Amino acid sequence: MHILWTLVIGLVVGAIAKLLMPGKDPGGFIVTILLGIAGAFVGTWIGRIFAGGNYAAGWIMSVVGAVILLLLYRLFFKRSA
């Protein structure tokens, strides 16, 4: 059940990140989930740098991490027009 919950949270966080950064993305549904899940890890990592070792990312830092990853993803995997 924990894995299912993580996938749902990842989907929601990834969708919020894509809504905050409108435009054409070179990824679909699976990429959105992966960006959301990885965004939570990036948000936790950023939080631990500034807030200490026991920090766990909440919704806002997860979205911030997912937006950072989406920006990097767009830079590295641009579709040719």
PDB file of N, CA and C in Angstrom:
ATOM      1  N   MET A   1       0.819  -1.190   0.000  1.00  0.00           N
ATOM      2  CA  MET A   1       0.000   0.000   0.000  1.00  0.00           C
ATOM      3  C   MET A   1       0.868   1.261   0.000  1.00  0.00           C
ATOM      4  N   HIS A   2       2.035   1.174   0.642  1.00  0.00           N
ATOM      5  CA  HIS A   2       2.926   2.320   0.691  1.00  0.00           C
ATOM      6  C   HIS A   2       3.408   2.700  -0.710  1.00  0.00           C
ATOM      7  N   ILE A   3       3.692   1.726  -1.532  1.00  0.00           N
ATOM      8  CA  ILE A   3       4.161   1.994  -2.900  1.00  0.00           C
ATOM      9  C   ILE A   3       3.066   2.675  -3.710  1.00  0.00           C
ATOM     10  N   LEU A   4       1.842   2.215  -3.565  1.00  0.00           N
ATOM     11  CA  LEU A   4       0.718   2.829  -4.272  1.00  0.00           C
ATOM     12  C   LEU A   4       0.537   4.282  -3.836  1.00  0.00           C
ATOM     13  N   TRP A   5       0.624   4.528  -2.544  1.00  0.00           N
ATOM     14  CA  TRP A   5       0.490   5.889  -2.024  1.00  0.00           C
ATOM     15  C   TRP A   5       1.620   6.775  -2.564  1.00  0.00           C
ATOM     16  N   THR A   6       2.830   6.261  -2.632  1.00  0.00           N
ATOM     17  CA  THR A   6       3.966   7.012  -3.165  1.00  0.00           C
ATOM     18  C   THR A   6       3.741   7.361  -4.629  1.00  0.00           C
ATOM     19  N   LEU A   7       3.194   6.435  -5.405  1.00  0.00           N
ATOM     20  CA  LEU A   7       2.910   6.708  -6.819  1.00  0.00           C
ATOM     21  C   LEU A   7       1.842   7.788  -6.973  1.00  0.00           C
ATOM     22  N   VAL A   8       0.829   7.748  -6.131  1.00  0.00           N
ATOM     23  CA  VAL A   8      -0.239   8.755  -6.211  1.00  0.00           C
ATOM     24  C   VAL A   8       0.319  10.130  -5.850  1.00  0.00           C
ATOM     25  N   ILE A   9       1.089  10.204  -4.777  1.00  0.00           N
ATOM     26  CA  ILE A   9       1.699  11.480  -4.379  1.00  0.00           C
ATOM     27  C   ILE A   9       2.644  11.971  -5.471  1.00  0.00           C
ATOM     28  N   GLY A  10       3.420  11.071  -6.055  1.00  0.00           N
ATOM     29  CA  GLY A  10       4.323  11.441  -7.143  1.00  0.00           C
ATOM     30  C   GLY A  10       3.577  11.984  -8.342  1.00  0.00           C
ATOM     31  N   LEU A  11       2.452  11.382  -8.665  1.00  0.00           N
ATOM     32  CA  LEU A  11       1.641  11.864  -9.784  1.00  0.00           C
ATOM     33  C   LEU A  11       1.114  13.261  -9.503  1.00  0.00           C
ATOM     34  N   VAL A  12       0.611  13.473  -8.298  1.00  0.00           N
ATOM     35  CA  VAL A  12       0.056  14.785  -7.947  1.00  0.00           C
ATOM     36  C   VAL A  12       1.147  15.854  -7.954  1.00  0.00           C
ATOM     37  N   VAL A  13       2.282  15.562  -7.337  1.00  0.00           N
ATOM     38  CA  VAL A  13       3.386  16.524  -7.290  1.00  0.00           C
ATOM     39  C   VAL A  13       3.915  16.795  -8.695  1.00  0.00           C
ATOM     40  N   GLY A  14       4.059  15.768  -9.507  1.00  0.00           N
ATOM     41  CA  GLY A  14       4.512  15.956 -10.890  1.00  0.00           C
ATOM     42  C   GLY A  14       3.534  16.774 -11.705  1.00  0.00           C
ATOM     43  N   ALA A  15       2.231  16.549 -11.518  1.00  0.00           N
ATOM     44  CA  ALA A  15       1.210  17.316 -12.240  1.00  0.00           C
ATOM     45  C   ALA A  15       1.236  18.781 -11.814  1.00  0.00           C
ATOM     46  N   ILE A  16       1.408  19.036 -10.527  1.00  0.00           N
ATOM     47  CA  ILE A  16       1.500  20.418 -10.054  1.00  0.00           C
ATOM     48  C   ILE A  16       2.723  21.100 -10.653  1.00  0.00           C
ATOM     49  N   ALA A  17       3.834  20.393 -10.714  1.00  0.00           N
ATOM     50  CA  ALA A  17       5.051  20.962 -11.308  1.00  0.00           C
ATOM     51  C   ALA A  17       4.835  21.290 -12.781  1.00  0.00           C
ATOM     52  N   LYS A  18       4.147  20.407 -13.510  1.00  0.00           N
ATOM     53  CA  LYS A  18       3.888  20.685 -14.932  1.00  0.00           C
ATOM     54  C   LYS A  18       2.904  21.839 -15.103  1.00  0.00           C
ATOM     55  N   LEU A  19       1.969  22.005 -14.152  1.00  0.00           N
ATOM     56  CA  LEU A  19       1.058  23.142 -14.216  1.00  0.00           C
ATOM     57  C   LEU A  19       1.785  24.456 -13.942  1.00  0.00           C
ATOM     58  N   LEU A  20       2.774  24.431 -13.063  1.00  0.00           N
ATOM     59  CA  LEU A  20       3.541  25.631 -12.750  1.00  0.00           C
ATOM     60  C   LEU A  20       4.498  26.016 -13.867  1.00  0.00           C
ATOM     61  N   MET A  21       4.887  25.043 -14.680  1.00  0.00           N
ATOM     62  CA  MET A  21       5.791  25.293 -15.805  1.00  0.00           C
ATOM     63  C   MET A  21       5.102  24.879 -17.097  1.00  0.00           C
ATOM     64  N   PRO A  22       4.207  25.723 -17.606  1.00  0.00           N
ATOM     65  CA  PRO A  22       3.482  25.346 -18.819  1.00  0.00           C
ATOM     66  C   PRO A  22       4.417  25.250 -20.022  1.00  0.00           C
ATOM     67  N   GLY A  23       3.983  24.491 -20.989  1.00  0.00           N
ATOM     68  CA  GLY A  23       4.774  24.316 -22.198  1.00  0.00           C
ATOM     69  C   GLY A  23       4.795  22.862 -22.614  1.00  0.00           C
ATOM     70  N   LYS A  24       5.429  22.629 -23.741  1.00  0.00           N
ATOM     71  CA  LYS A  24       5.511  21.292 -24.299  1.00  0.00           C
ATOM     72  C   LYS A  24       6.587  20.500 -23.567  1.00  0.00           C
ATOM     73  N   ASP A  25       6.201  19.341 -23.054  1.00  0.00           N
ATOM     74  CA  ASP A  25       7.151  18.479 -22.360  1.00  0.00           C
ATOM     75  C   ASP A  25       7.401  17.220 -23.173  1.00  0.00           C
ATOM     76  N   PRO A  26       8.647  16.758 -23.182  1.00  0.00           N
ATOM     77  CA  PRO A  26       8.965  15.544 -23.927  1.00  0.00           C
ATOM     78  C   PRO A  26       8.669  14.268 -23.138  1.00  0.00           C
ATOM     79  N   GLY A  27       7.708  14.282 -22.241  1.00  0.00           N
ATOM     80  CA  GLY A  27       7.393  13.106 -21.452  1.00  0.00           C
ATOM     81  C   GLY A  27       5.900  12.955 -21.259  1.00  0.00           C
ATOM     82  N   GLY A  28       5.491  11.787 -20.833  1.00  0.00           N
ATOM     83  CA  GLY A  28       4.077  11.522 -20.634  1.00  0.00           C
ATOM     84  C   GLY A  28       3.752  11.256 -19.178  1.00  0.00           C
ATOM     85  N   PHE A  29       2.779  10.387 -18.987  1.00  0.00           N
ATOM     86  CA  PHE A  29       2.232  10.062 -17.674  1.00  0.00           C
ATOM     87  C   PHE A  29       3.288   9.471 -16.744  1.00  0.00           C
ATOM     88  N   ILE A  30       4.058   8.526 -17.230  1.00  0.00           N
ATOM     89  CA  ILE A  30       5.077   7.863 -16.411  1.00  0.00           C
ATOM     90  C   ILE A  30       6.163   8.857 -16.011  1.00  0.00           C
ATOM     91  N   VAL A  31       6.571   9.711 -16.931  1.00  0.00           N
ATOM     92  CA  VAL A  31       7.596  10.714 -16.632  1.00  0.00           C
ATOM     93  C   VAL A  31       7.086  11.681 -15.570  1.00  0.00           C
ATOM     94  N   THR A  32       5.794  12.022 -15.620  1.00  0.00           N
ATOM     95  CA  THR A  32       5.207  12.901 -14.617  1.00  0.00           C
ATOM     96  C   THR A  32       5.304  12.280 -13.228  1.00  0.00           C
ATOM     97  N   ILE A  33       4.978  10.997 -13.108  1.00  0.00           N
ATOM     98  CA  ILE A  33       5.075  10.305 -11.821  1.00  0.00           C
ATOM     99  C   ILE A  33       6.525  10.270 -11.348  1.00  0.00           C
ATOM    100  N   LEU A  34       7.432   9.928 -12.237  1.00  0.00           N
ATOM    101  CA  LEU A  34       8.843   9.840 -11.857  1.00  0.00           C
ATOM    102  C   LEU A  34       9.403  11.194 -11.428  1.00  0.00           C
ATOM    103  N   LEU A  35       9.003  12.266 -12.131  1.00  0.00           N
ATOM    104  CA  LEU A  35       9.447  13.599 -11.735  1.00  0.00           C
ATOM    105  C   LEU A  35       8.912  13.977 -10.360  1.00  0.00           C
ATOM    106  N   GLY A  36       7.677  13.604 -10.080  1.00  0.00           N
ATOM    107  CA  GLY A  36       7.100  13.903  -8.777  1.00  0.00           C
ATOM    108  C   GLY A  36       7.784  13.158  -7.650  1.00  0.00           C
ATOM    109  N   ILE A  37       8.031  11.873  -7.855  1.00  0.00           N
ATOM    110  CA  ILE A  37       8.705  11.071  -6.830  1.00  0.00           C
ATOM    111  C   ILE A  37      10.135  11.566  -6.619  1.00  0.00           C
ATOM    112  N   ALA A  38      10.851  11.776  -7.712  1.00  0.00           N
ATOM    113  CA  ALA A  38      12.222  12.268  -7.600  1.00  0.00           C
ATOM    114  C   ALA A  38      12.246  13.686  -7.023  1.00  0.00           C
ATOM    115  N   GLY A  39      11.203  14.472  -7.311  1.00  0.00           N
ATOM    116  CA  GLY A  39      11.108  15.824  -6.758  1.00  0.00           C
ATOM    117  C   GLY A  39      11.041  15.815  -5.244  1.00  0.00           C
ATOM    118  N   ALA A  40      10.356  14.831  -4.680  1.00  0.00           N
ATOM    119  CA  ALA A  40      10.307  14.712  -3.221  1.00  0.00           C
ATOM    120  C   ALA A  40      11.696  14.426  -2.657  1.00  0.00           C
ATOM    121  N   PHE A  41      12.460  13.595  -3.342  1.00  0.00           N
ATOM    122  CA  PHE A  41      13.823  13.316  -2.892  1.00  0.00           C
ATOM    123  C   PHE A  41      14.709  14.555  -3.011  1.00  0.00           C
ATOM    124  N   VAL A  42      14.578  15.282  -4.114  1.00  0.00           N
ATOM    125  CA  VAL A  42      15.365  16.504  -4.294  1.00  0.00           C
ATOM    126  C   VAL A  42      14.962  17.547  -3.258  1.00  0.00           C
ATOM    127  N   GLY A  43      13.658  17.684  -3.007  1.00  0.00           N
ATOM    128  CA  GLY A  43      13.184  18.624  -1.988  1.00  0.00           C
ATOM    129  C   GLY A  43      13.707  18.276  -0.611  1.00  0.00           C
ATOM    130  N   THR A  44      13.743  16.998  -0.286  1.00  0.00           N
ATOM    131  CA  THR A  44      14.292  16.562   0.993  1.00  0.00           C
ATOM    132  C   THR A  44      15.782  16.874   1.074  1.00  0.00           C
ATOM    133  N   TRP A  45      16.496  16.619  -0.006  1.00  0.00           N
ATOM    134  CA  TRP A  45      17.929  16.872  -0.040  1.00  0.00           C
ATOM    135  C   TRP A  45      18.222  18.364   0.146  1.00  0.00           C
ATOM    136  N   ILE A  46      17.466  19.224  -0.550  1.00  0.00           N
ATOM    137  CA  ILE A  46      17.642  20.680  -0.409  1.00  0.00           C
ATOM    138  C   ILE A  46      17.318  21.105   1.020  1.00  0.00           C
ATOM    139  N   GLY A  47      16.244  20.565   1.578  1.00  0.00           N
ATOM    140  CA  GLY A  47      15.861  20.900   2.939  1.00  0.00           C
ATOM    141  C   GLY A  47      16.898  20.481   3.963  1.00  0.00           C
ATOM    142  N   ARG A  48      17.518  19.341   3.737  1.00  0.00           N
ATOM    143  CA  ARG A  48      18.542  18.868   4.679  1.00  0.00           C
ATOM    144  C   ARG A  48      19.796  19.723   4.637  1.00  0.00           C
ATOM    145  N   ILE A  49      20.065  20.345   3.509  1.00  0.00           N
ATOM    146  CA  ILE A  49      21.205  21.251   3.422  1.00  0.00           C
ATOM    147  C   ILE A  49      20.970  22.465   4.315  1.00  0.00           C
ATOM    148  N   PHE A  50      19.733  23.003   4.295  1.00  0.00           N
ATOM    149  CA  PHE A  50      19.445  24.242   5.007  1.00  0.00           C
ATOM    150  C   PHE A  50      18.823  24.036   6.387  1.00  0.00           C
ATOM    151  N   ALA A  51      18.090  22.939   6.612  1.00  0.00           N
ATOM    152  CA  ALA A  51      17.346  22.777   7.864  1.00  0.00           C
ATOM    153  C   ALA A  51      17.896  21.680   8.768  1.00  0.00           C
ATOM    154  N   GLY A  52      18.822  20.893   8.306  1.00  0.00           N
ATOM    155  CA  GLY A  52      19.391  19.854   9.158  1.00  0.00           C
ATOM    156  C   GLY A  52      19.089  18.455   8.655  1.00  0.00           C
ATOM    157  N   GLY A  53      19.679  17.481   9.304  1.00  0.00           N
ATOM    158  CA  GLY A  53      19.643  16.101   8.850  1.00  0.00           C
ATOM    159  C   GLY A  53      18.324  15.376   8.976  1.00  0.00           C
ATOM    160  N   ASN A  54      17.412  15.843   9.802  1.00  0.00           N
ATOM    161  CA  ASN A  54      16.141  15.138   9.981  1.00  0.00           C
ATOM    162  C   ASN A  54      14.998  15.714   9.157  1.00  0.00           C
ATOM    163  N   TYR A  55      15.298  16.576   8.216  1.00  0.00           N
ATOM    164  CA  TYR A  55      14.261  17.219   7.414  1.00  0.00           C
ATOM    165  C   TYR A  55      13.658  16.235   6.423  1.00  0.00           C
ATOM    166  N   ALA A  56      12.339  16.241   6.313  1.00  0.00           N
ATOM    167  CA  ALA A  56      11.622  15.468   5.297  1.00  0.00           C
ATOM    168  C   ALA A  56      10.756  16.440   4.504  1.00  0.00           C
ATOM    169  N   ALA A  57      10.815  16.354   3.190  1.00  0.00           N
ATOM    170  CA  ALA A  57      10.112  17.308   2.338  1.00  0.00           C
ATOM    171  C   ALA A  57       8.605  17.176   2.491  1.00  0.00           C
ATOM    172  N   GLY A  58       7.953  18.311   2.554  1.00  0.00           N
ATOM    173  CA  GLY A  58       6.503  18.359   2.519  1.00  0.00           C
ATOM    174  C   GLY A  58       6.061  18.603   1.085  1.00  0.00           C
ATOM    175  N   TRP A  59       4.818  18.997   0.930  1.00  0.00           N
ATOM    176  CA  TRP A  59       4.273  19.220  -0.410  1.00  0.00           C
ATOM    177  C   TRP A  59       5.019  20.313  -1.163  1.00  0.00           C
ATOM    178  N   ILE A  60       5.297  21.425  -0.481  1.00  0.00           N
ATOM    179  CA  ILE A  60       5.899  22.570  -1.172  1.00  0.00           C
ATOM    180  C   ILE A  60       7.311  22.231  -1.651  1.00  0.00           C
ATOM    181  N   MET A  61       8.119  21.669  -0.790  1.00  0.00           N
ATOM    182  CA  MET A  61       9.487  21.325  -1.201  1.00  0.00           C
ATOM    183  C   MET A  61       9.497  20.199  -2.228  1.00  0.00           C
ATOM    184  N   SER A  62       8.521  19.317  -2.171  1.00  0.00           N
ATOM    185  CA  SER A  62       8.427  18.271  -3.192  1.00  0.00           C
ATOM    186  C   SER A  62       8.129  18.889  -4.552  1.00  0.00           C
ATOM    187  N   VAL A  63       7.224  19.860  -4.577  1.00  0.00           N
ATOM    188  CA  VAL A  63       6.903  20.544  -5.836  1.00  0.00           C
ATOM    189  C   VAL A  63       8.103  21.343  -6.318  1.00  0.00           C
ATOM    190  N   VAL A  64       8.812  22.013  -5.408  1.00  0.00           N
ATOM    191  CA  VAL A  64      10.012  22.763  -5.791  1.00  0.00           C
ATOM    192  C   VAL A  64      11.045  21.820  -6.411  1.00  0.00           C
ATOM    193  N   GLY A  65      11.252  20.676  -5.777  1.00  0.00           N
ATOM    194  CA  GLY A  65      12.189  19.694  -6.328  1.00  0.00           C
ATOM    195  C   GLY A  65      11.744  19.181  -7.687  1.00  0.00           C
ATOM    196  N   ALA A  66      10.438  18.945  -7.857  1.00  0.00           N
ATOM    197  CA  ALA A  66       9.930  18.461  -9.141  1.00  0.00           C
ATOM    198  C   ALA A  66      10.052  19.527 -10.226  1.00  0.00           C
ATOM    199  N   VAL A  67       9.851  20.792  -9.875  1.00  0.00           N
ATOM    200  CA  VAL A  67      10.016  21.878 -10.853  1.00  0.00           C
ATOM    201  C   VAL A  67      11.474  21.967 -11.291  1.00  0.00           C
ATOM    202  N   ILE A  68      12.393  21.841 -10.348  1.00  0.00           N
ATOM    203  CA  ILE A  68      13.824  21.852 -10.695  1.00  0.00           C
ATOM    204  C   ILE A  68      14.146  20.700 -11.640  1.00  0.00           C
ATOM    205  N   LEU A  69      13.639  19.516 -11.333  1.00  0.00           N
ATOM    206  CA  LEU A  69      13.898  18.361 -12.203  1.00  0.00           C
ATOM    207  C   LEU A  69      13.238  18.516 -13.569  1.00  0.00           C
ATOM    208  N   LEU A  70      12.039  19.101 -13.605  1.00  0.00           N
ATOM    209  CA  LEU A  70      11.362  19.324 -14.883  1.00  0.00           C
ATOM    210  C   LEU A  70      12.160  20.306 -15.736  1.00  0.00           C
ATOM    211  N   LEU A  71      12.696  21.337 -15.124  1.00  0.00           N
ATOM    212  CA  LEU A  71      13.527  22.287 -15.850  1.00  0.00           C
ATOM    213  C   LEU A  71      14.764  21.599 -16.428  1.00  0.00           C
ATOM    214  N   LEU A  72      15.420  20.781 -15.609  1.00  0.00           N
ATOM    215  CA  LEU A  72      16.589  20.036 -16.097  1.00  0.00           C
ATOM    216  C   LEU A  72      16.206  19.046 -17.191  1.00  0.00           C
ATOM    217  N   TYR A  73      15.062  18.393 -17.018  1.00  0.00           N
ATOM    218  CA  TYR A  73      14.583  17.430 -18.010  1.00  0.00           C
ATOM    219  C   TYR A  73      14.337  18.117 -19.347  1.00  0.00           C
ATOM    220  N   ARG A  74      13.724  19.300 -19.305  1.00  0.00           N
ATOM    221  CA  ARG A  74      13.466  20.047 -20.543  1.00  0.00           C
ATOM    222  C   ARG A  74      14.767  20.487 -21.204  1.00  0.00           C
ATOM    223  N   LEU A  75      15.764  20.835 -20.407  1.00  0.00           N
ATOM    224  CA  LEU A  75      17.044  21.267 -20.978  1.00  0.00           C
ATOM    225  C   LEU A  75      17.772  20.121 -21.668  1.00  0.00           C
ATOM    226  N   PHE A  76      17.716  18.925 -21.085  1.00  0.00           N
ATOM    227  CA  PHE A  76      18.471  17.794 -21.626  1.00  0.00           C
ATOM    228  C   PHE A  76      17.731  17.000 -22.693  1.00  0.00           C
ATOM    229  N   PHE A  77      16.405  16.960 -22.643  1.00  0.00           N
ATOM    230  CA  PHE A  77      15.633  16.137 -23.563  1.00  0.00           C
ATOM    231  C   PHE A  77      14.653  16.955 -24.380  1.00  0.00           C
ATOM    232  N   LYS A  78      15.160  17.980 -25.044  1.00  0.00           N
ATOM    233  CA  LYS A  78      14.305  18.813 -25.889  1.00  0.00           C
ATOM    234  C   LYS A  78      13.886  18.026 -27.127  1.00  0.00           C
ATOM    235  N   ARG A  79      12.641  18.218 -27.525  1.00  0.00           N
ATOM    236  CA  ARG A  79      12.187  17.647 -28.796  1.00  0.00           C
ATOM    237  C   ARG A  79      12.645  18.554 -29.922  1.00  0.00           C
ATOM    238  N   SER A  80      13.068  17.959 -30.994  1.00  0.00           N
ATOM    239  CA  SER A  80      13.437  18.784 -32.138  1.00  0.00           C
ATOM    240  C   SER A  80      12.189  19.231 -32.872  1.00  0.00           C
ATOM    241  N   ALA A  81      12.171  20.495 -33.211  1.00  0.00           N
ATOM    242  CA  ALA A  81      10.976  21.072 -33.842  1.00  0.00           C
ATOM    243  C   ALA A  81      11.041  21.010 -35.342  1.00  0.00           C
TER     244      ALA A  81
END
